[in-house]
Each structure stands twice: as structure tokens, then as C-alpha cells.
Amino acid sequence: MDTPIQNTKALTLAILGGALVMMTLPACAAESAADFARAPGYVEVDFDNLQWDDYYTAERFPSQGDSVFMPDAYLIAPVRAVLLMENHEGTLPHARYRVTYDMHSDAEVQDEGTSEIEITRINLGPAFREQALEGVPVENHAPPEAFGVGPHVSWRFQMAPIQGMTAHVVKAGRKELSDADVAGLDCLGMPCAQLESAEGPAGNWVEQAPPAPSVDYRAVTAEGPDPAYVVDQMLAVMLGEDGAQPTGPAVPGRDPRITMVVSVNAGGQDVMTTGLGRNSVVYDDAIGTVWVRSWQQGDTPGEVSELQVARQR
């Protein structure tokens, strides 16, 4: 149970971080943040004035209060972004997440990187219900609520390291999507709105030890891994020592460096979460692309494997 003092400390530090961003973020990076997060159709979400009590809970962060820093202070940007998005939207029993991630350096301040994350969550509940109830008499149909009710949404976050927070929210925007909007979205080789999940290219996939959560947060429940944890695992495998290296100034229209797809109970009768990720900017002369995929049933140990694709010359 959070104490009033812990909650007050969390809120105070969060607000302080929001004030400090204006003093530490380069002006051109702040302008880039506005452009990315305020793309057409996105409505700004003000995190500086958000009440944080329902996010910084002992259930989500079991070790909160053990440090003067916030419990998610050291989370890499995409992981924190997924946690924040889910806290705002709530969870869905059947969903697919497409997460893209770029880390850019400012042209004038090369050592300071800003992250751009887009999270698109497709509600697969209606499609899963249609498949599950095929051939079932109408009088025995479960209601839509049993499969998850909620809009398709897309979030954009611009984040930066600010005063002890690895991924402070500089700007954020939210957009609701229609069925038509998501119908044409690609999730690494498969339509995002279909129940079937992509498995990545054929090749010599090598099993890896599943990485532990990068900080102490609620990574797995009886229903399965949190989508943020799947993202956390894939990033740990794909990035390795390259994780902190920006790819240079943002270039409009360029494909993102990292694309990840997390599918939660997308098909079949088993409670299963799968992940597929691609890193298209690898700092290695011989390796051009790194893929990673994962699967986990409920709270049982999952599996993670990696595929390294040779650089084309």
C-alpha cells in the first residue's frame, strides 16, 4: 500500500522533471518533439500535469520507495511508453501492439539523444470473438465485453533523458483509429488486424536466455507477460551494447530503426503472448539486420530466439 508521503514524493519529482525539461532539452529537439507527437489526428496528452498515483503503485512497481529516484527512472523509452499507454488506456485480453522506436541525436549536441516511440494497439477482441463463436448458436454467444471492448489507438511519445529520468515524456499525442485505418497496417509481414501473427524470416534462429526485466516492475502475471516486458526482452537482445547509440538527426520519411510487434492472445485456445522485433540499424560490419522473436504461455517460462542477417554488400 502506498503511503501519502510516497505518493507526494512521486508527484513532486514528476512535476519537477516536467519543469526541468524546458531548461535542459535543446530547442530544436523540443521542436522535433512537437512535430512528431502532434502529427495529423493526434491530440496532445499533458503528462506534466498528470496525477501519477494510479501509475506509481506498489502493484506495478514492487520496490518503489526504496530509492530517491522514481521506480521507472532507468527504463528505456519504449518500455516506459508502453507502461504509460496501458495505464491510460487499460488492458485488453486480445490485442496486437506495433511499437516503433528511433533514438536521434541533436545536430548541435551529439551526446544528447531524444527518442521517438509510436505505439499502435489494435483491439483483436471483435475478430477473436467472431472466430470463436463460428458455428455456435446465437443464444449461446458470449457478449462482446467478454473479448475486450475498446478503440484501436495510436500513441506517439517523444522522450529524453532529463534529470535522472532516462525517458522523461517531453511530448505525447493520442489518436483513435477506425477499422479502415488499421486494415492496411503491416506488422512485420502480416496485416496487423488479422489474428495470425508474423514469425519473421526463415533462417538460423538461435535460442537466447530470456532477459530479466530491466528494472523491478510487474513483468508477468497469471495471464502472461506484460506487453512492456516483451518489448523489454526484445530490445535487450536486439540492441545489446548499441542501445545507447543514436542514429543521428531525425530524417522525415525514413523507416524507424526498431519495429516490434507484440500479440496478446491473438489466436487459438491457449493463453499466449508472442513477440517479433527487427533492428534495421546494426553497428556491425558483418550484420545488417537483427531479428528476435519470443513466446510465452501464461506465467510459465517463455522462449526467446535471435536471427542475425548478414549485411548486403
Protein backbone atom coordinates (compact mmCIF):
# COMPACT_ATOMS: atom_id res chain seq x y z
CA MET A 1 0.00 0.00 0.00
CA ASP A 2 1.39 3.42 -0.97
CA THR A 3 1.79 5.91 1.82
CA PRO A 4 0.75 9.57 1.38
CA ILE A 5 4.42 10.54 1.70
CA GLN A 6 5.43 8.17 -1.13
CA ASN A 7 2.67 9.46 -3.38
CA THR A 8 3.56 13.06 -2.63
CA LYS A 9 7.23 12.38 -3.36
CA ALA A 10 6.36 10.70 -6.65
CA LEU A 11 4.15 13.54 -7.79
CA THR A 12 6.63 16.20 -6.70
CA LEU A 13 9.51 14.59 -8.59
CA ALA A 14 7.37 14.06 -11.67
CA ILE A 15 6.32 17.71 -11.76
CA LEU A 16 9.90 18.83 -11.11
CA GLY A 17 11.07 16.74 -14.04
CA GLY A 18 8.47 18.43 -16.24
CA ALA A 19 9.78 21.85 -15.29
CA LEU A 20 13.42 20.90 -15.82
CA VAL A 21 12.81 19.65 -19.35
CA MET A 22 12.46 23.20 -20.59
CA MET A 23 15.86 24.06 -19.11
CA THR A 24 17.79 21.05 -20.41
CA LEU A 25 16.33 19.95 -23.76
CA PRO A 26 17.82 21.64 -26.85
CA ALA A 27 15.34 23.94 -28.58
CA CYS A 28 15.50 22.10 -31.89
CA ALA A 29 14.80 18.80 -30.13
CA ALA A 30 11.74 20.33 -28.47
CA GLU A 31 10.50 21.47 -31.89
CA SER A 32 11.04 17.98 -33.29
CA ALA A 33 9.06 16.59 -30.37
CA ALA A 34 6.11 18.79 -31.18
CA ASP A 35 6.20 17.79 -34.85
CA PHE A 36 6.32 14.06 -34.07
CA ALA A 37 3.74 13.96 -31.28
CA ARG A 38 1.34 16.38 -32.97
CA ALA A 39 1.15 14.65 -36.31
CA PRO A 40 -2.25 14.96 -38.05
CA GLY A 41 -5.02 13.44 -35.95
CA TYR A 42 -3.02 13.20 -32.72
CA VAL A 43 -4.34 15.05 -29.67
CA GLU A 44 -1.75 16.17 -27.14
CA VAL A 45 -1.70 14.39 -23.78
CA ASP A 46 -0.29 16.53 -20.97
CA PHE A 47 1.89 14.32 -18.79
CA ASP A 48 3.41 17.23 -16.86
CA ASN A 49 0.15 17.83 -15.00
CA LEU A 50 -0.95 14.20 -14.73
CA GLN A 51 -1.94 12.67 -11.40
CA TRP A 52 0.53 9.81 -11.01
CA ASP A 53 -0.95 7.93 -8.05
CA ASP A 54 -2.63 5.28 -10.21
CA TYR A 55 0.61 4.68 -12.14
CA TYR A 56 3.21 4.62 -9.37
CA THR A 57 1.64 1.82 -7.37
CA ALA A 58 3.23 -0.94 -5.32
CA GLU A 59 1.50 -3.47 -7.56
CA ARG A 60 3.17 -2.11 -10.70
CA PHE A 61 6.49 -1.21 -9.03
CA PRO A 62 7.07 -3.50 -6.01
CA SER A 63 10.30 -1.73 -4.99
CA GLN A 64 9.08 1.83 -5.21
CA GLY A 65 10.13 3.93 -2.26
CA ASP A 66 13.49 2.14 -1.97
CA SER A 67 15.29 4.94 -3.83
CA VAL A 68 15.15 8.72 -4.17
CA PHE A 69 14.62 8.13 -7.90
CA MET A 70 11.33 7.12 -9.46
CA PRO A 71 10.97 3.32 -9.85
CA ASP A 72 10.92 3.62 -13.66
CA ALA A 73 13.78 6.14 -13.81
CA TYR A 74 16.07 3.74 -15.67
CA LEU A 75 13.56 2.21 -18.07
CA ILE A 76 14.43 2.51 -21.75
CA ALA A 77 11.96 4.75 -23.57
CA PRO A 78 9.78 2.19 -25.43
CA VAL A 79 9.21 0.13 -22.29
CA ARG A 80 8.16 3.13 -20.22
CA ALA A 81 5.98 4.35 -23.09
CA VAL A 82 4.05 1.06 -23.22
CA LEU A 83 3.52 1.12 -19.44
CA LEU A 84 2.24 4.71 -19.61
CA MET A 85 -0.04 3.98 -22.55
CA GLU A 86 -1.56 0.92 -20.87
CA ASN A 87 -2.07 2.84 -17.64
CA HIS A 88 -4.06 5.42 -19.61
CA GLU A 89 -5.98 3.01 -21.86
CA GLY A 90 -6.34 -0.07 -19.67
CA THR A 91 -5.54 -3.58 -20.87
CA LEU A 92 -7.29 -5.75 -23.46
CA PRO A 93 -7.49 -9.57 -23.41
CA HIS A 94 -6.88 -9.81 -27.17
CA ALA A 95 -4.67 -7.18 -28.75
CA ARG A 96 -1.72 -6.50 -31.01
CA TYR A 97 0.85 -3.80 -30.37
CA ARG A 98 3.05 -2.37 -33.09
CA VAL A 99 5.88 -0.38 -31.50
CA THR A 100 8.43 1.64 -33.45
CA TYR A 101 11.47 3.25 -31.87
CA ASP A 102 14.09 5.71 -33.04
CA MET A 103 16.74 7.47 -30.99
CA HIS A 104 18.05 10.65 -32.58
CA SER A 105 20.95 12.91 -31.70
CA ASP A 106 20.66 16.66 -31.92
CA ALA A 107 22.79 18.16 -34.68
CA GLU A 108 24.32 20.61 -32.19
CA VAL A 109 24.51 18.33 -29.13
CA GLN A 110 25.64 14.92 -30.40
CA ASP A 111 25.80 13.25 -26.99
CA GLU A 112 22.18 14.02 -26.08
CA GLY A 113 19.66 11.65 -27.62
CA THR A 114 15.91 12.04 -27.93
CA SER A 115 13.63 9.05 -28.51
CA GLU A 116 10.57 8.83 -30.74
CA ILE A 117 8.17 5.98 -29.99
CA GLU A 118 4.93 5.15 -31.75
CA ILE A 119 2.64 2.54 -30.19
CA THR A 120 -0.35 1.36 -32.19
CA ARG A 121 -2.66 -1.01 -30.34
CA ILE A 122 -5.24 -2.95 -32.34
CA ASN A 123 -8.16 -4.43 -30.44
CA LEU A 124 -8.43 -8.00 -31.72
CA GLY A 125 -11.37 -8.80 -29.44
CA PRO A 126 -14.10 -8.49 -32.11
CA ALA A 127 -12.13 -10.61 -34.61
CA PHE A 128 -11.33 -13.22 -31.96
CA ARG A 129 -15.00 -13.33 -30.89
CA GLU A 130 -16.15 -13.80 -34.48
CA GLN A 131 -13.77 -16.73 -34.91
CA ALA A 132 -14.51 -18.29 -31.51
CA LEU A 133 -18.29 -18.17 -31.99
CA GLU A 134 -18.33 -19.54 -35.51
CA GLY A 135 -20.94 -22.30 -35.58
CA VAL A 136 -22.12 -21.56 -32.03
CA PRO A 137 -25.88 -20.96 -31.69
CA VAL A 138 -26.69 -17.29 -31.24
CA GLU A 139 -28.34 -17.91 -27.87
CA ASN A 140 -25.01 -19.19 -26.56
CA HIS A 141 -22.91 -16.27 -27.77
CA ALA A 142 -20.78 -14.55 -25.16
CA PRO A 143 -21.15 -10.75 -25.09
CA PRO A 144 -18.53 -8.53 -26.76
CA GLU A 145 -17.34 -7.43 -23.32
CA ALA A 146 -16.00 -10.93 -22.69
CA PHE A 147 -13.49 -10.47 -25.50
CA GLY A 148 -12.50 -6.87 -24.85
CA VAL A 149 -14.15 -3.61 -25.80
CA GLY A 150 -12.20 -0.52 -26.72
CA PRO A 151 -10.93 1.51 -29.67
CA HIS A 152 -7.87 0.95 -31.77
CA VAL A 153 -5.42 3.63 -30.63
CA SER A 154 -2.09 5.07 -31.64
CA TRP A 155 0.21 6.95 -29.28
CA ARG A 156 3.31 8.96 -30.05
CA PHE A 157 5.89 9.78 -27.40
CA GLN A 158 8.94 12.00 -27.63
CA MET A 159 11.20 11.24 -24.67
CA ALA A 160 14.58 12.41 -23.45
CA PRO A 161 16.96 11.85 -20.52
CA ILE A 162 16.11 14.61 -18.06
CA GLN A 163 17.48 14.97 -14.50
CA GLY A 164 17.77 11.32 -13.54
CA MET A 165 14.89 10.06 -15.71
CA THR A 166 16.10 8.05 -18.70
CA ALA A 167 12.83 8.53 -20.61
CA HIS A 168 11.07 11.70 -19.50
CA VAL A 169 7.95 12.47 -21.59
CA VAL A 170 8.66 15.67 -23.50
CA LYS A 171 5.57 15.47 -25.70
CA ALA A 172 2.86 12.85 -26.22
CA GLY A 173 -0.11 12.53 -28.54
CA ARG A 174 -3.01 10.11 -28.89
CA LYS A 175 -5.22 9.20 -31.85
CA GLU A 176 -8.12 6.78 -32.18
CA LEU A 177 -8.19 4.64 -35.31
CA SER A 178 -11.06 3.13 -37.27
CA ASP A 179 -11.23 -0.42 -38.60
CA ALA A 180 -10.41 1.04 -42.02
CA ASP A 181 -7.35 2.79 -40.59
CA VAL A 182 -5.85 -0.41 -39.20
CA ALA A 183 -6.86 -2.66 -42.11
CA GLY A 184 -3.81 -1.65 -44.13
CA LEU A 185 -1.25 -1.62 -41.31
CA ASP A 186 1.66 -4.03 -41.65
CA CYS A 187 3.07 -5.85 -38.62
CA LEU A 188 6.40 -7.18 -39.92
CA GLY A 189 4.94 -9.14 -42.78
CA MET A 190 1.37 -9.79 -41.66
CA PRO A 191 -1.65 -7.47 -41.54
CA CYS A 192 -1.91 -6.05 -38.03
CA ALA A 193 -5.67 -6.57 -37.88
CA GLN A 194 -5.52 -10.32 -38.64
CA LEU A 195 -5.37 -12.88 -35.86
CA GLU A 196 -2.40 -14.70 -37.40
CA SER A 197 0.97 -13.38 -36.24
CA ALA A 198 4.15 -12.98 -38.28
CA GLU A 199 7.07 -15.24 -37.35
CA GLY A 200 9.90 -13.46 -39.15
CA PRO A 201 12.16 -14.73 -41.93
CA ALA A 202 13.44 -18.27 -42.22
CA GLY A 203 16.99 -18.79 -41.07
CA ASN A 204 19.30 -19.94 -38.30
CA TRP A 205 17.38 -18.76 -35.25
CA VAL A 206 19.44 -19.16 -32.08
CA GLU A 207 17.74 -19.56 -28.72
CA GLN A 208 18.68 -16.95 -26.11
CA ALA A 209 18.19 -16.83 -22.37
CA PRO A 210 15.10 -14.67 -21.73
CA PRO A 211 16.37 -11.36 -20.31
CA ALA A 212 15.13 -10.31 -16.88
CA PRO A 213 13.15 -7.07 -16.53
CA SER A 214 15.47 -4.08 -16.80
CA VAL A 215 14.03 -2.63 -13.56
CA ASP A 216 11.71 -4.03 -10.89
CA TYR A 217 8.22 -3.71 -12.38
CA ARG A 218 5.30 -6.12 -12.74
CA ALA A 219 6.57 -8.06 -15.73
CA VAL A 220 4.42 -11.22 -15.60
CA THR A 221 1.01 -12.11 -14.19
CA ALA A 222 -1.03 -15.31 -14.33
CA GLU A 223 -2.43 -14.09 -17.66
CA GLY A 224 1.02 -13.77 -19.18
CA PRO A 225 3.82 -11.26 -19.66
CA ASP A 226 3.05 -7.57 -19.75
CA PRO A 227 3.50 -6.30 -23.33
CA ALA A 228 6.05 -3.86 -21.92
CA TYR A 229 8.14 -6.79 -20.70
CA VAL A 230 8.03 -8.43 -24.13
CA VAL A 231 9.31 -5.16 -25.59
CA ASP A 232 11.94 -5.02 -22.84
CA GLN A 233 13.17 -8.53 -23.68
CA MET A 234 13.33 -7.94 -27.42
CA LEU A 235 15.22 -4.68 -27.03
CA ALA A 236 17.76 -6.29 -24.71
CA VAL A 237 18.52 -8.95 -27.33
CA MET A 238 18.38 -6.74 -30.43
CA LEU A 239 20.33 -3.74 -29.18
CA GLY A 240 22.96 -5.17 -26.87
CA GLU A 241 25.73 -2.63 -26.44
CA ASP A 242 24.29 -0.46 -29.24
CA GLY A 243 21.30 0.53 -27.17
CA ALA A 244 22.52 3.99 -26.23
CA GLN A 245 23.78 4.98 -29.69
CA PRO A 246 21.57 7.48 -31.55
CA THR A 247 21.20 7.12 -35.31
CA GLY A 248 21.80 10.82 -35.99
CA PRO A 249 19.35 13.68 -36.65
CA ALA A 250 15.76 12.75 -37.49
CA VAL A 251 15.06 12.33 -41.21
CA PRO A 252 11.40 12.73 -42.27
CA GLY A 253 10.06 9.66 -44.05
CA ARG A 254 12.88 7.33 -43.03
CA ASP A 255 11.81 3.93 -41.70
CA PRO A 256 12.25 3.55 -37.94
CA ARG A 257 15.32 1.74 -36.65
CA ILE A 258 13.33 -0.64 -34.44
CA THR A 259 9.94 -2.22 -35.14
CA MET A 260 8.36 -4.62 -32.65
CA VAL A 261 5.06 -6.49 -32.70
CA VAL A 262 3.51 -7.98 -29.58
CA SER A 263 0.44 -10.19 -29.97
CA VAL A 264 -1.62 -10.96 -26.87
CA ASN A 265 -3.92 -14.00 -27.14
CA ALA A 266 -4.34 -13.42 -30.85
CA GLY A 267 -5.43 -16.94 -31.78
CA GLY A 268 -6.11 -20.45 -30.57
CA GLN A 269 -7.34 -21.60 -27.19
CA ASP A 270 -4.11 -21.15 -25.24
CA VAL A 271 -3.26 -18.02 -23.29
CA MET A 272 -0.18 -16.96 -25.22
CA THR A 273 1.78 -13.79 -25.90
CA THR A 274 4.21 -13.63 -28.80
CA GLY A 275 6.71 -11.02 -29.91
CA LEU A 276 8.62 -10.28 -33.09
CA GLY A 277 11.16 -7.49 -33.46
CA ARG A 278 13.52 -6.13 -36.11
CA ASN A 279 16.55 -3.89 -35.68
CA SER A 280 17.46 -2.47 -39.08
CA VAL A 281 20.42 -0.32 -37.93
CA VAL A 282 23.17 -2.55 -36.55
CA TYR A 283 26.60 -1.18 -35.73
CA ASP A 284 28.47 -4.18 -37.11
CA ASP A 285 30.35 -4.57 -40.39
CA ALA A 286 29.05 -8.10 -40.96
CA ILE A 287 25.47 -7.94 -39.61
CA GLY A 288 22.82 -5.92 -41.42
CA THR A 289 19.65 -6.78 -39.51
CA VAL A 290 18.85 -8.44 -36.21
CA TRP A 291 15.53 -10.18 -35.60
CA VAL A 292 14.19 -11.51 -32.33
CA ARG A 293 11.05 -13.45 -31.51
CA SER A 294 9.52 -14.67 -28.29
CA TRP A 295 6.57 -16.60 -26.96
CA GLN A 296 5.21 -17.28 -23.51
CA GLN A 297 2.14 -19.15 -22.25
CA GLY A 298 0.59 -17.61 -19.15
CA ASP A 299 3.16 -17.21 -16.39
CA THR A 300 5.28 -20.21 -17.41
CA PRO A 301 8.85 -19.53 -18.59
CA GLY A 302 8.96 -18.32 -22.17
CA GLU A 303 11.41 -18.67 -25.03
CA VAL A 304 13.42 -16.05 -26.92
CA SER A 305 15.44 -16.57 -30.10
CA GLU A 306 17.55 -14.35 -32.35
CA LEU A 307 18.35 -14.26 -36.06
CA GLN A 308 21.29 -12.26 -37.40
CA VAL A 309 21.08 -11.44 -41.11
CA ALA A 310 24.31 -10.72 -42.96
CA ARG A 311 24.86 -7.23 -44.31
CA GLN A 312 24.28 -6.90 -48.06
CA ARG A 313 27.31 -5.52 -49.91
